[in-house]
Amino acid sequence: MISIRYKLIRYKPIRYKGIQYKKGASLFGVLLTMALFSSVVLGISAWTATQQREGVLIYQRYQAVLLAQNQFARQRLGLDCQNSIEQNQLLFRVSCQPKQVKVRFPAGELTLNIETE
């Protein structure tokens, strides 16, 4: 039979002016904890910034789609095409052809092709 004995190492408490203190974490443990915490915070921060950028892009595309649909409706009613439209401090440039409306906005460009039956 094999017997293994373990000896637990107990740290002796530190006494200073009659007050008993326990030993704290080592410097390496504290630095490792801070490094892990900061990497998690930086990762979350980068993810949040990416989500915000994607949200802004999606919202600008949505505005461009609504403007293109509006310009097509204006064409069907016989009204002139608006060349530039400002919404939410953004400038949208619009160009209209008989079956196509093109909207340029700060994050890109959208083309709406209309096929009528």
PDB file of N, CA and C in Angstrom:
ATOM      1  N   MET A   1       0.842  -1.175   0.000  1.00  0.00           N
ATOM      2  CA  MET A   1       0.000   0.000   0.000  1.00  0.00           C
ATOM      3  C   MET A   1       0.889   1.240   0.000  1.00  0.00           C
ATOM      4  N   ILE A   2       0.474   2.178  -0.813  1.00  0.00           N
ATOM      5  CA  ILE A   2       1.229   3.419  -0.921  1.00  0.00           C
ATOM      6  C   ILE A   2       0.485   4.481  -0.143  1.00  0.00           C
ATOM      7  N   SER A   3       1.184   5.154   0.681  1.00  0.00           N
ATOM      8  CA  SER A   3       0.546   6.257   1.406  1.00  0.00           C
ATOM      9  C   SER A   3       1.296   7.547   1.083  1.00  0.00           C
ATOM     10  N   ILE A   4       0.495   8.542   0.844  1.00  0.00           N
ATOM     11  CA  ILE A   4       1.059   9.848   0.526  1.00  0.00           C
ATOM     12  C   ILE A   4       0.649  10.797   1.628  1.00  0.00           C
ATOM     13  N   ARG A   5       1.606  11.500   2.122  1.00  0.00           N
ATOM     14  CA  ARG A   5       1.309  12.463   3.175  1.00  0.00           C
ATOM     15  C   ARG A   5       1.505  13.866   2.627  1.00  0.00           C
ATOM     16  N   TYR A   6       0.542  14.681   2.934  1.00  0.00           N
ATOM     17  CA  TYR A   6       0.617  16.079   2.538  1.00  0.00           C
ATOM     18  C   TYR A   6       0.856  16.914   3.774  1.00  0.00           C
ATOM     19  N   LYS A   7       1.659  17.877   3.605  1.00  0.00           N
ATOM     20  CA  LYS A   7       1.884  18.793   4.703  1.00  0.00           C
ATOM     21  C   LYS A   7       1.375  20.156   4.266  1.00  0.00           C
ATOM     22  N   LEU A   8       0.364  20.635   4.937  1.00  0.00           N
ATOM     23  CA  LEU A   8      -0.181  21.947   4.631  1.00  0.00           C
ATOM     24  C   LEU A   8       0.721  23.015   5.216  1.00  0.00           C
ATOM     25  N   ILE A   9       1.017  23.963   4.396  1.00  0.00           N
ATOM     26  CA  ILE A   9       1.836  25.072   4.865  1.00  0.00           C
ATOM     27  C   ILE A   9       0.891  26.170   5.313  1.00  0.00           C
ATOM     28  N   ARG A  10       0.979  26.493   6.533  1.00  0.00           N
ATOM     29  CA  ARG A  10       0.135  27.564   7.056  1.00  0.00           C
ATOM     30  C   ARG A  10       1.008  28.797   7.253  1.00  0.00           C
ATOM     31  N   TYR A  11       0.478  29.881   6.739  1.00  0.00           N
ATOM     32  CA  TYR A  11       1.198  31.132   6.915  1.00  0.00           C
ATOM     33  C   TYR A  11       0.920  31.668   8.301  1.00  0.00           C
ATOM     34  N   LYS A  12       1.969  32.114   8.901  1.00  0.00           N
ATOM     35  CA  LYS A  12       1.805  32.680  10.230  1.00  0.00           C
ATOM     36  C   LYS A  12       1.271  34.096  10.101  1.00  0.00           C
ATOM     37  N   PRO A  13       0.277  34.435  10.882  1.00  0.00           N
ATOM     38  CA  PRO A  13      -0.244  35.799  10.820  1.00  0.00           C
ATOM     39  C   PRO A  13       0.821  36.809  11.260  1.00  0.00           C
ATOM     40  N   ILE A  14       0.697  37.977  10.739  1.00  0.00           N
ATOM     41  CA  ILE A  14       1.635  39.048  11.061  1.00  0.00           C
ATOM     42  C   ILE A  14       1.041  39.864  12.198  1.00  0.00           C
ATOM     43  N   ARG A  15       1.868  40.146  13.176  1.00  0.00           N
ATOM     44  CA  ARG A  15       1.411  40.974  14.291  1.00  0.00           C
ATOM     45  C   ARG A  15       2.146  42.310  14.235  1.00  0.00           C
ATOM     46  N   TYR A  16       1.329  43.366  14.340  1.00  0.00           N
ATOM     47  CA  TYR A  16       1.915  44.694  14.346  1.00  0.00           C
ATOM     48  C   TYR A  16       1.147  45.521  15.355  1.00  0.00           C
ATOM     49  N   LYS A  17       1.834  45.977  16.368  1.00  0.00           N
ATOM     50  CA  LYS A  17       1.259  46.784  17.447  1.00  0.00           C
ATOM     51  C   LYS A  17       0.029  46.111  18.054  1.00  0.00           C
ATOM     52  N   GLY A  18       0.139  44.821  18.266  1.00  0.00           N
ATOM     53  CA  GLY A  18      -0.931  44.098  18.935  1.00  0.00           C
ATOM     54  C   GLY A  18      -2.092  43.692  18.040  1.00  0.00           C
ATOM     55  N   ILE A  19      -2.075  44.095  16.767  1.00  0.00           N
ATOM     56  CA  ILE A  19      -3.152  43.729  15.838  1.00  0.00           C
ATOM     57  C   ILE A  19      -2.638  42.606  14.945  1.00  0.00           C
ATOM     58  N   GLN A  20      -3.470  41.592  14.781  1.00  0.00           N
ATOM     59  CA  GLN A  20      -3.066  40.440  13.981  1.00  0.00           C
ATOM     60  C   GLN A  20      -3.563  40.607  12.537  1.00  0.00           C
ATOM     61  N   TYR A  21      -2.642  40.547  11.578  1.00  0.00           N
ATOM     62  CA  TYR A  21      -2.968  40.677  10.161  1.00  0.00           C
ATOM     63  C   TYR A  21      -2.673  39.358   9.457  1.00  0.00           C
ATOM     64  N   LYS A  22      -3.468  39.076   8.428  1.00  0.00           N
ATOM     65  CA  LYS A  22      -3.162  37.920   7.590  1.00  0.00           C
ATOM     66  C   LYS A  22      -2.364  38.415   6.394  1.00  0.00           C
ATOM     67  N   LYS A  23      -1.564  37.520   5.834  1.00  0.00           N
ATOM     68  CA  LYS A  23      -0.772  37.912   4.675  1.00  0.00           C
ATOM     69  C   LYS A  23      -1.694  38.129   3.490  1.00  0.00           C
ATOM     70  N   GLY A  24      -1.385  39.110   2.689  1.00  0.00           N
ATOM     71  CA  GLY A  24      -2.201  39.427   1.518  1.00  0.00           C
ATOM     72  C   GLY A  24      -1.719  38.689   0.283  1.00  0.00           C
ATOM     73  N   ALA A  25      -2.274  39.083  -0.851  1.00  0.00           N
ATOM     74  CA  ALA A  25      -1.902  38.466  -2.122  1.00  0.00           C
ATOM     75  C   ALA A  25      -0.507  38.919  -2.524  1.00  0.00           C
ATOM     76  N   SER A  26       0.128  38.102  -3.321  1.00  0.00           N
ATOM     77  CA  SER A  26       1.465  38.463  -3.778  1.00  0.00           C
ATOM     78  C   SER A  26       1.357  39.519  -4.876  1.00  0.00           C
ATOM     79  N   LEU A  27       2.448  40.158  -5.141  1.00  0.00           N
ATOM     80  CA  LEU A  27       2.487  41.187  -6.176  1.00  0.00           C
ATOM     81  C   LEU A  27       2.165  40.588  -7.541  1.00  0.00           C
ATOM     82  N   PHE A  28       2.675  39.397  -7.817  1.00  0.00           N
ATOM     83  CA  PHE A  28       2.395  38.734  -9.089  1.00  0.00           C
ATOM     84  C   PHE A  28       0.901  38.450  -9.240  1.00  0.00           C
ATOM     85  N   GLY A  29       0.258  37.995  -8.188  1.00  0.00           N
ATOM     86  CA  GLY A  29      -1.180  37.720  -8.242  1.00  0.00           C
ATOM     87  C   GLY A  29      -1.990  38.973  -8.508  1.00  0.00           C
ATOM     88  N   VAL A  30      -1.605  40.064  -7.867  1.00  0.00           N
ATOM     89  CA  VAL A  30      -2.308  41.334  -8.073  1.00  0.00           C
ATOM     90  C   VAL A  30      -2.119  41.822  -9.512  1.00  0.00           C
ATOM     91  N   LEU A  31      -0.889  41.758 -10.016  1.00  0.00           N
ATOM     92  CA  LEU A  31      -0.629  42.195 -11.390  1.00  0.00           C
ATOM     93  C   LEU A  31      -1.347  41.315 -12.408  1.00  0.00           C
ATOM     94  N   LEU A  32      -1.386  40.019 -12.169  1.00  0.00           N
ATOM     95  CA  LEU A  32      -2.092  39.114 -13.070  1.00  0.00           C
ATOM     96  C   LEU A  32      -3.589  39.416 -13.077  1.00  0.00           C
ATOM     97  N   THR A  33      -4.150  39.657 -11.913  1.00  0.00           N
ATOM     98  CA  THR A  33      -5.570  39.999 -11.821  1.00  0.00           C
ATOM     99  C   THR A  33      -5.863  41.303 -12.553  1.00  0.00           C
ATOM    100  N   MET A  34      -5.007  42.299 -12.370  1.00  0.00           N
ATOM    101  CA  MET A  34      -5.210  43.572 -13.061  1.00  0.00           C
ATOM    102  C   MET A  34      -5.089  43.408 -14.571  1.00  0.00           C
ATOM    103  N   ALA A  35      -4.153  42.584 -15.036  1.00  0.00           N
ATOM    104  CA  ALA A  35      -3.992  42.364 -16.477  1.00  0.00           C
ATOM    105  C   ALA A  35      -5.221  41.669 -17.058  1.00  0.00           C
ATOM    106  N   LEU A  36      -5.729  40.657 -16.373  1.00  0.00           N
ATOM    107  CA  LEU A  36      -6.929  39.963 -16.853  1.00  0.00           C
ATOM    108  C   LEU A  36      -8.131  40.897 -16.877  1.00  0.00           C
ATOM    109  N   PHE A  37      -8.305  41.666 -15.820  1.00  0.00           N
ATOM    110  CA  PHE A  37      -9.439  42.589 -15.751  1.00  0.00           C
ATOM    111  C   PHE A  37      -9.356  43.646 -16.851  1.00  0.00           C
ATOM    112  N   SER A  38      -8.159  44.202 -17.068  1.00  0.00           N
ATOM    113  CA  SER A  38      -8.025  45.241 -18.097  1.00  0.00           C
ATOM    114  C   SER A  38      -8.230  44.667 -19.494  1.00  0.00           C
ATOM    115  N   SER A  39      -7.800  43.424 -19.732  1.00  0.00           N
ATOM    116  CA  SER A  39      -8.037  42.830 -21.055  1.00  0.00           C
ATOM    117  C   SER A  39      -9.524  42.582 -21.283  1.00  0.00           C
ATOM    118  N   VAL A  40     -10.255  42.189 -20.257  1.00  0.00           N
ATOM    119  CA  VAL A  40     -11.708  42.011 -20.389  1.00  0.00           C
ATOM    120  C   VAL A  40     -12.374  43.357 -20.667  1.00  0.00           C
ATOM    121  N   VAL A  41     -11.983  44.389 -19.952  1.00  0.00           N
ATOM    122  CA  VAL A  41     -12.569  45.720 -20.152  1.00  0.00           C
ATOM    123  C   VAL A  41     -12.254  46.242 -21.554  1.00  0.00           C
ATOM    124  N   LEU A  42     -11.026  46.059 -22.024  1.00  0.00           N
ATOM    125  CA  LEU A  42     -10.669  46.504 -23.375  1.00  0.00           C
ATOM    126  C   LEU A  42     -11.447  45.731 -24.436  1.00  0.00           C
ATOM    127  N   GLY A  43     -11.642  44.448 -24.232  1.00  0.00           N
ATOM    128  CA  GLY A  43     -12.428  43.653 -25.173  1.00  0.00           C
ATOM    129  C   GLY A  43     -13.867  44.116 -25.247  1.00  0.00           C
ATOM    130  N   ILE A  44     -14.465  44.375 -24.100  1.00  0.00           N
ATOM    131  CA  ILE A  44     -15.848  44.864 -24.064  1.00  0.00           C
ATOM    132  C   ILE A  44     -15.939  46.242 -24.705  1.00  0.00           C
ATOM    133  N   SER A  45     -14.952  47.085 -24.461  1.00  0.00           N
ATOM    134  CA  SER A  45     -14.947  48.428 -25.047  1.00  0.00           C
ATOM    135  C   SER A  45     -14.853  48.365 -26.572  1.00  0.00           C
ATOM    136  N   ALA A  46     -13.998  47.506 -27.096  1.00  0.00           N
ATOM    137  CA  ALA A  46     -13.873  47.364 -28.554  1.00  0.00           C
ATOM    138  C   ALA A  46     -15.165  46.818 -29.151  1.00  0.00           C
ATOM    139  N   TRP A  47     -15.779  45.854 -28.494  1.00  0.00           N
ATOM    140  CA  TRP A  47     -17.035  45.286 -28.982  1.00  0.00           C
ATOM    141  C   TRP A  47     -18.135  46.344 -29.002  1.00  0.00           C
ATOM    142  N   THR A  48     -18.197  47.165 -27.953  1.00  0.00           N
ATOM    143  CA  THR A  48     -19.204  48.223 -27.880  1.00  0.00           C
ATOM    144  C   THR A  48     -19.009  49.241 -29.004  1.00  0.00           C
ATOM    145  N   ALA A  49     -17.765  49.624 -29.270  1.00  0.00           N
ATOM    146  CA  ALA A  49     -17.495  50.582 -30.348  1.00  0.00           C
ATOM    147  C   ALA A  49     -17.902  50.007 -31.703  1.00  0.00           C
ATOM    148  N   THR A  50     -17.629  48.725 -31.925  1.00  0.00           N
ATOM    149  CA  THR A  50     -18.032  48.082 -33.181  1.00  0.00           C
ATOM    150  C   THR A  50     -19.547  48.061 -33.319  1.00  0.00           C
ATOM    151  N   GLN A  51     -20.238  47.728 -32.241  1.00  0.00           N
ATOM    152  CA  GLN A  51     -21.702  47.695 -32.278  1.00  0.00           C
ATOM    153  C   GLN A  51     -22.274  49.077 -32.571  1.00  0.00           C
ATOM    154  N   GLN A  52     -21.674  50.103 -31.991  1.00  0.00           N
ATOM    155  CA  GLN A  52     -22.161  51.463 -32.222  1.00  0.00           C
ATOM    156  C   GLN A  52     -21.957  51.874 -33.682  1.00  0.00           C
ATOM    157  N   ARG A  53     -20.778  51.554 -34.245  1.00  0.00           N
ATOM    158  CA  ARG A  53     -20.523  51.866 -35.655  1.00  0.00           C
ATOM    159  C   ARG A  53     -21.510  51.153 -36.570  1.00  0.00           C
ATOM    160  N   GLU A  54     -21.764  49.884 -36.301  1.00  0.00           N
ATOM    161  CA  GLU A  54     -22.719  49.123 -37.114  1.00  0.00           C
ATOM    162  C   GLU A  54     -24.124  49.700 -36.985  1.00  0.00           C
ATOM    163  N   GLY A  55     -24.489  50.132 -35.793  1.00  0.00           N
ATOM    164  CA  GLY A  55     -25.808  50.734 -35.593  1.00  0.00           C
ATOM    165  C   GLY A  55     -25.978  52.019 -36.375  1.00  0.00           C
ATOM    166  N   VAL A  56     -24.943  52.847 -36.389  1.00  0.00           N
ATOM    167  CA  VAL A  56     -24.993  54.101 -37.155  1.00  0.00           C
ATOM    168  C   VAL A  56     -25.122  53.802 -38.643  1.00  0.00           C
ATOM    169  N   LEU A  57     -24.359  52.828 -39.142  1.00  0.00           N
ATOM    170  CA  LEU A  57     -24.424  52.463 -40.555  1.00  0.00           C
ATOM    171  C   LEU A  57     -25.811  51.935 -40.925  1.00  0.00           C
ATOM    172  N   ILE A  58     -26.379  51.084 -40.095  1.00  0.00           N
ATOM    173  CA  ILE A  58     -27.716  50.540 -40.365  1.00  0.00           C
ATOM    174  C   ILE A  58     -28.748  51.656 -40.377  1.00  0.00           C
ATOM    175  N   TYR A  59     -28.641  52.593 -39.439  1.00  0.00           N
ATOM    176  CA  TYR A  59     -29.608  53.685 -39.385  1.00  0.00           C
ATOM    177  C   TYR A  59     -29.492  54.586 -40.619  1.00  0.00           C
ATOM    178  N   GLN A  60     -28.256  54.872 -41.060  1.00  0.00           N
ATOM    179  CA  GLN A  60     -28.083  55.698 -42.261  1.00  0.00           C
ATOM    180  C   GLN A  60     -28.629  54.989 -43.499  1.00  0.00           C
ATOM    181  N   ARG A  61     -28.419  53.679 -43.598  1.00  0.00           N
ATOM    182  CA  ARG A  61     -28.990  52.924 -44.721  1.00  0.00           C
ATOM    183  C   ARG A  61     -30.515  52.983 -44.690  1.00  0.00           C
ATOM    184  N   TYR A  62     -31.079  52.849 -43.503  1.00  0.00           N
ATOM    185  CA  TYR A  62     -32.538  52.902 -43.367  1.00  0.00           C
ATOM    186  C   TYR A  62     -33.073  54.260 -43.824  1.00  0.00           C
ATOM    187  N   GLN A  63     -32.396  55.344 -43.408  1.00  0.00           N
ATOM    188  CA  GLN A  63     -32.804  56.676 -43.851  1.00  0.00           C
ATOM    189  C   GLN A  63     -32.699  56.798 -45.367  1.00  0.00           C
ATOM    190  N   ALA A  64     -31.642  56.248 -45.960  1.00  0.00           N
ATOM    191  CA  ALA A  64     -31.465  56.317 -47.412  1.00  0.00           C
ATOM    192  C   ALA A  64     -32.572  55.554 -48.136  1.00  0.00           C
ATOM    193  N   VAL A  65     -32.979  54.400 -47.607  1.00  0.00           N
ATOM    194  CA  VAL A  65     -34.071  53.636 -48.224  1.00  0.00           C
ATOM    195  C   VAL A  65     -35.366  54.435 -48.173  1.00  0.00           C
ATOM    196  N   LEU A  66     -35.650  55.048 -47.030  1.00  0.00           N
ATOM    197  CA  LEU A  66     -36.871  55.846 -46.915  1.00  0.00           C
ATOM    198  C   LEU A  66     -36.853  57.033 -47.871  1.00  0.00           C
ATOM    199  N   LEU A  67     -35.705  57.689 -47.999  1.00  0.00           N
ATOM    200  CA  LEU A  67     -35.606  58.819 -48.928  1.00  0.00           C
ATOM    201  C   LEU A  67     -35.771  58.367 -50.377  1.00  0.00           C
ATOM    202  N   ALA A  68     -35.178  57.227 -50.734  1.00  0.00           N
ATOM    203  CA  ALA A  68     -35.315  56.729 -52.104  1.00  0.00           C
ATOM    204  C   ALA A  68     -36.769  56.387 -52.407  1.00  0.00           C
ATOM    205  N   GLN A  69     -37.451  55.756 -51.458  1.00  0.00           N
ATOM    206  CA  GLN A  69     -38.871  55.446 -51.665  1.00  0.00           C
ATOM    207  C   GLN A  69     -39.691  56.725 -51.797  1.00  0.00           C
ATOM    208  N   ASN A  70     -39.358  57.715 -50.994  1.00  0.00           N
ATOM    209  CA  ASN A  70     -40.066  58.994 -51.048  1.00  0.00           C
ATOM    210  C   ASN A  70     -39.857  59.667 -52.409  1.00  0.00           C
ATOM    211  N   GLN A  71     -38.627  59.644 -52.913  1.00  0.00           N
ATOM    212  CA  GLN A  71     -38.353  60.274 -54.206  1.00  0.00           C
ATOM    213  C   GLN A  71     -39.056  59.532 -55.340  1.00  0.00           C
ATOM    214  N   PHE A  72     -39.134  58.210 -55.234  1.00  0.00           N
ATOM    215  CA  PHE A  72     -39.864  57.461 -56.258  1.00  0.00           C
ATOM    216  C   PHE A  72     -41.352  57.811 -56.223  1.00  0.00           C
ATOM    217  N   ALA A  73     -41.901  57.958 -55.020  1.00  0.00           N
ATOM    218  CA  ALA A  73     -43.311  58.361 -54.906  1.00  0.00           C
ATOM    219  C   ALA A  73     -43.516  59.750 -55.498  1.00  0.00           C
ATOM    220  N   ARG A  74     -42.554  60.656 -55.280  1.00  0.00           N
ATOM    221  CA  ARG A  74     -42.649  61.997 -55.874  1.00  0.00           C
ATOM    222  C   ARG A  74     -42.625  61.916 -57.400  1.00  0.00           C
ATOM    223  N   GLN A  75     -41.788  61.034 -57.951  1.00  0.00           N
ATOM    224  CA  GLN A  75     -41.749  60.862 -59.411  1.00  0.00           C
ATOM    225  C   GLN A  75     -43.105  60.388 -59.933  1.00  0.00           C
ATOM    226  N   ARG A  76     -43.711  59.443 -59.248  1.00  0.00           N
ATOM    227  CA  ARG A  76     -45.007  58.912 -59.693  1.00  0.00           C
ATOM    228  C   ARG A  76     -46.106  59.962 -59.623  1.00  0.00           C
ATOM    229  N   LEU A  77     -45.948  60.918 -58.704  1.00  0.00           N
ATOM    230  CA  LEU A  77     -46.931  61.999 -58.590  1.00  0.00           C
ATOM    231  C   LEU A  77     -46.636  63.145 -59.551  1.00  0.00           C
ATOM    232  N   GLY A  78     -45.527  63.071 -60.271  1.00  0.00           N
ATOM    233  CA  GLY A  78     -45.180  64.115 -61.233  1.00  0.00           C
ATOM    234  C   GLY A  78     -44.429  65.278 -60.620  1.00  0.00           C
ATOM    235  N   LEU A  79     -43.910  65.129 -59.414  1.00  0.00           N
ATOM    236  CA  LEU A  79     -43.135  66.187 -58.757  1.00  0.00           C
ATOM    237  C   LEU A  79     -41.656  66.036 -59.093  1.00  0.00           C
ATOM    238  N   ASP A  80     -40.920  67.134 -58.918  1.00  0.00           N
ATOM    239  CA  ASP A  80     -39.484  67.111 -59.199  1.00  0.00           C
ATOM    240  C   ASP A  80     -38.735  66.323 -58.121  1.00  0.00           C
ATOM    241  N   CYS A  81     -37.578  65.823 -58.511  1.00  0.00           N
ATOM    242  CA  CYS A  81     -36.697  65.099 -57.593  1.00  0.00           C
ATOM    243  C   CYS A  81     -35.901  66.114 -56.762  1.00  0.00           C
ATOM    244  N   GLN A  82     -35.802  65.887 -55.476  1.00  0.00           N
ATOM    245  CA  GLN A  82     -34.985  66.751 -54.616  1.00  0.00           C
ATOM    246  C   GLN A  82     -33.535  66.284 -54.727  1.00  0.00           C
ATOM    247  N   ASN A  83     -32.632  67.221 -55.035  1.00  0.00           N
ATOM    248  CA  ASN A  83     -31.237  66.839 -55.258  1.00  0.00           C
ATOM    249  C   ASN A  83     -30.459  66.603 -53.976  1.00  0.00           C
ATOM    250  N   SER A  84     -30.734  67.356 -52.947  1.00  0.00           N
ATOM    251  CA  SER A  84     -30.035  67.156 -51.675  1.00  0.00           C
ATOM    252  C   SER A  84     -31.031  67.332 -50.539  1.00  0.00           C
ATOM    253  N   ILE A  85     -30.918  66.445 -49.575  1.00  0.00           N
ATOM    254  CA  ILE A  85     -31.811  66.454 -48.418  1.00  0.00           C
ATOM    255  C   ILE A  85     -30.939  66.341 -47.176  1.00  0.00           C
ATOM    256  N   GLU A  86     -31.232  67.179 -46.186  1.00  0.00           N
ATOM    257  CA  GLU A  86     -30.489  67.111 -44.928  1.00  0.00           C
ATOM    258  C   GLU A  86     -31.410  66.588 -43.839  1.00  0.00           C
ATOM    259  N   GLN A  87     -30.986  65.508 -43.193  1.00  0.00           N
ATOM    260  CA  GLN A  87     -31.724  64.932 -42.073  1.00  0.00           C
ATOM    261  C   GLN A  87     -30.731  64.554 -40.987  1.00  0.00           C
ATOM    262  N   ASN A  88     -31.042  64.909 -39.758  1.00  0.00           N
ATOM    263  CA  ASN A  88     -30.191  64.571 -38.607  1.00  0.00           C
ATOM    264  C   ASN A  88     -28.735  64.983 -38.823  1.00  0.00           C
ATOM    265  N   GLN A  89     -28.520  66.177 -39.309  1.00  0.00           N
ATOM    266  CA  GLN A  89     -27.206  66.748 -39.592  1.00  0.00           C
ATOM    267  C   GLN A  89     -26.412  65.917 -40.605  1.00  0.00           C
ATOM    268  N   LEU A  90     -27.090  65.126 -41.440  1.00  0.00           N
ATOM    269  CA  LEU A  90     -26.449  64.368 -42.511  1.00  0.00           C
ATOM    270  C   LEU A  90     -26.984  64.853 -43.845  1.00  0.00           C
ATOM    271  N   LEU A  91     -26.105  64.951 -44.826  1.00  0.00           N
ATOM    272  CA  LEU A  91     -26.502  65.403 -46.152  1.00  0.00           C
ATOM    273  C   LEU A  91     -26.625  64.193 -47.074  1.00  0.00           C
ATOM    274  N   PHE A  92     -27.797  64.032 -47.646  1.00  0.00           N
ATOM    275  CA  PHE A  92     -28.077  62.953 -48.588  1.00  0.00           C
ATOM    276  C   PHE A  92     -28.194  63.562 -49.979  1.00  0.00           C
ATOM    277  N   ARG A  93     -27.405  63.065 -50.933  1.00  0.00           N
ATOM    278  CA  ARG A  93     -27.463  63.512 -52.330  1.00  0.00           C
ATOM    279  C   ARG A  93     -28.321  62.520 -53.102  1.00  0.00           C
ATOM    280  N   VAL A  94     -29.288  63.040 -53.849  1.00  0.00           N
ATOM    281  CA  VAL A  94     -30.240  62.188 -54.559  1.00  0.00           C
ATOM    282  C   VAL A  94     -30.151  62.476 -56.050  1.00  0.00           C
ATOM    283  N   SER A  95     -30.093  61.421 -56.848  1.00  0.00           N
ATOM    284  CA  SER A  95     -30.191  61.569 -58.306  1.00  0.00           C
ATOM    285  C   SER A  95     -31.271  60.606 -58.796  1.00  0.00           C
ATOM    286  N   CYS A  96     -32.148  61.120 -59.652  1.00  0.00           N
ATOM    287  CA  CYS A  96     -33.305  60.349 -60.113  1.00  0.00           C
ATOM    288  C   CYS A  96     -33.234  60.115 -61.617  1.00  0.00           C
ATOM    289  N   GLN A  97     -33.485  58.902 -62.030  1.00  0.00           N
ATOM    290  CA  GLN A  97     -33.730  58.534 -63.417  1.00  0.00           C
ATOM    291  C   GLN A  97     -35.153  57.958 -63.460  1.00  0.00           C
ATOM    292  N   PRO A  98     -35.690  57.713 -64.659  1.00  0.00           N
ATOM    293  CA  PRO A  98     -37.089  57.259 -64.725  1.00  0.00           C
ATOM    294  C   PRO A  98     -37.394  56.007 -63.892  1.00  0.00           C
ATOM    295  N   LYS A  99     -36.515  55.009 -63.865  1.00  0.00           N
ATOM    296  CA  LYS A  99     -36.799  53.789 -63.102  1.00  0.00           C
ATOM    297  C   LYS A  99     -35.739  53.509 -62.047  1.00  0.00           C
ATOM    298  N   GLN A 100     -35.011  54.532 -61.645  1.00  0.00           N
ATOM    299  CA  GLN A 100     -33.932  54.339 -60.683  1.00  0.00           C
ATOM    300  C   GLN A 100     -33.756  55.592 -59.841  1.00  0.00           C
ATOM    301  N   VAL A 101     -33.583  55.394 -58.554  1.00  0.00           N
ATOM    302  CA  VAL A 101     -33.276  56.490 -57.634  1.00  0.00           C
ATOM    303  C   VAL A 101     -31.991  56.108 -56.910  1.00  0.00           C
ATOM    304  N   LYS A 102     -31.007  57.012 -56.935  1.00  0.00           N
ATOM    305  CA  LYS A 102     -29.722  56.767 -56.288  1.00  0.00           C
ATOM    306  C   LYS A 102     -29.545  57.783 -55.169  1.00  0.00           C
ATOM    307  N   VAL A 103     -29.233  57.288 -53.974  1.00  0.00           N
ATOM    308  CA  VAL A 103     -29.032  58.148 -52.802  1.00  0.00           C
ATOM    309  C   VAL A 103     -27.612  57.931 -52.304  1.00  0.00           C
ATOM    310  N   ARG A 104     -26.848  59.020 -52.214  1.00  0.00           N
ATOM    311  CA  ARG A 104     -25.496  58.969 -51.645  1.00  0.00           C
ATOM    312  C   ARG A 104     -25.548  59.582 -50.255  1.00  0.00           C
ATOM    313  N   PHE A 105     -24.938  58.903 -49.311  1.00  0.00           N
ATOM    314  CA  PHE A 105     -24.909  59.373 -47.926  1.00  0.00           C
ATOM    315  C   PHE A 105     -23.508  59.148 -47.371  1.00  0.00           C
ATOM    316  N   PRO A 106     -23.176  59.726 -46.202  1.00  0.00           N
ATOM    317  CA  PRO A 106     -21.792  59.664 -45.709  1.00  0.00           C
ATOM    318  C   PRO A 106     -21.215  58.252 -45.594  1.00  0.00           C
ATOM    319  N   ALA A 107     -22.041  57.256 -45.293  1.00  0.00           N
ATOM    320  CA  ALA A 107     -21.517  55.903 -45.101  1.00  0.00           C
ATOM    321  C   ALA A 107     -21.587  55.041 -46.351  1.00  0.00           C
ATOM    322  N   GLY A 108     -22.114  55.555 -47.455  1.00  0.00           N
ATOM    323  CA  GLY A 108     -22.193  54.724 -48.651  1.00  0.00           C
ATOM    324  C   GLY A 108     -23.157  55.262 -49.688  1.00  0.00           C
ATOM    325  N   GLU A 109     -23.670  54.348 -50.480  1.00  0.00           N
ATOM    326  CA  GLU A 109     -24.558  54.707 -51.577  1.00  0.00           C
ATOM    327  C   GLU A 109     -25.619  53.618 -51.714  1.00  0.00           C
ATOM    328  N   LEU A 110     -26.844  54.039 -52.058  1.00  0.00           N
ATOM    329  CA  LEU A 110     -27.950  53.102 -52.213  1.00  0.00           C
ATOM    330  C   LEU A 110     -28.640  53.378 -53.540  1.00  0.00           C
ATOM    331  N   THR A 111     -28.920  52.326 -54.296  1.00  0.00           N
ATOM    332  CA  THR A 111     -29.628  52.460 -55.565  1.00  0.00           C
ATOM    333  C   THR A 111     -30.914  51.658 -55.481  1.00  0.00           C
ATOM    334  N   LEU A 112     -32.026  52.320 -55.787  1.00  0.00           N
ATOM    335  CA  LEU A 112     -33.333  51.671 -55.771  1.00  0.00           C
ATOM    336  C   LEU A 112     -33.829  51.590 -57.206  1.00  0.00           C
ATOM    337  N   ASN A 113     -33.918  50.370 -57.737  1.00  0.00           N
ATOM    338  CA  ASN A 113     -34.432  50.140 -59.083  1.00  0.00           C
ATOM    339  C   ASN A 113     -35.905  49.771 -58.977  1.00  0.00           C
ATOM    340  N   ILE A 114     -36.731  50.408 -59.794  1.00  0.00           N
ATOM    341  CA  ILE A 114     -38.169  50.187 -59.749  1.00  0.00           C
ATOM    342  C   ILE A 114     -38.603  49.538 -61.056  1.00  0.00           C
ATOM    343  N   GLU A 115     -39.303  48.438 -60.932  1.00  0.00           N
ATOM    344  CA  GLU A 115     -39.889  47.792 -62.102  1.00  0.00           C
ATOM    345  C   GLU A 115     -41.397  47.874 -61.963  1.00  0.00           C
ATOM    346  N   THR A 116     -42.041  48.517 -62.901  1.00  0.00           N
ATOM    347  CA  THR A 116     -43.501  48.641 -62.862  1.00  0.00           C
ATOM    348  C   THR A 116     -44.113  47.693 -63.872  1.00  0.00           C
ATOM    349  N   GLU A 117     -45.255  47.186 -63.521  1.00  0.00           N
ATOM    350  CA  GLU A 117     -45.941  46.260 -64.424  1.00  0.00           C
ATOM    351  C   GLU A 117     -47.091  46.936 -65.097  1.00  0.00           C
TER     352      GLU A 117
END
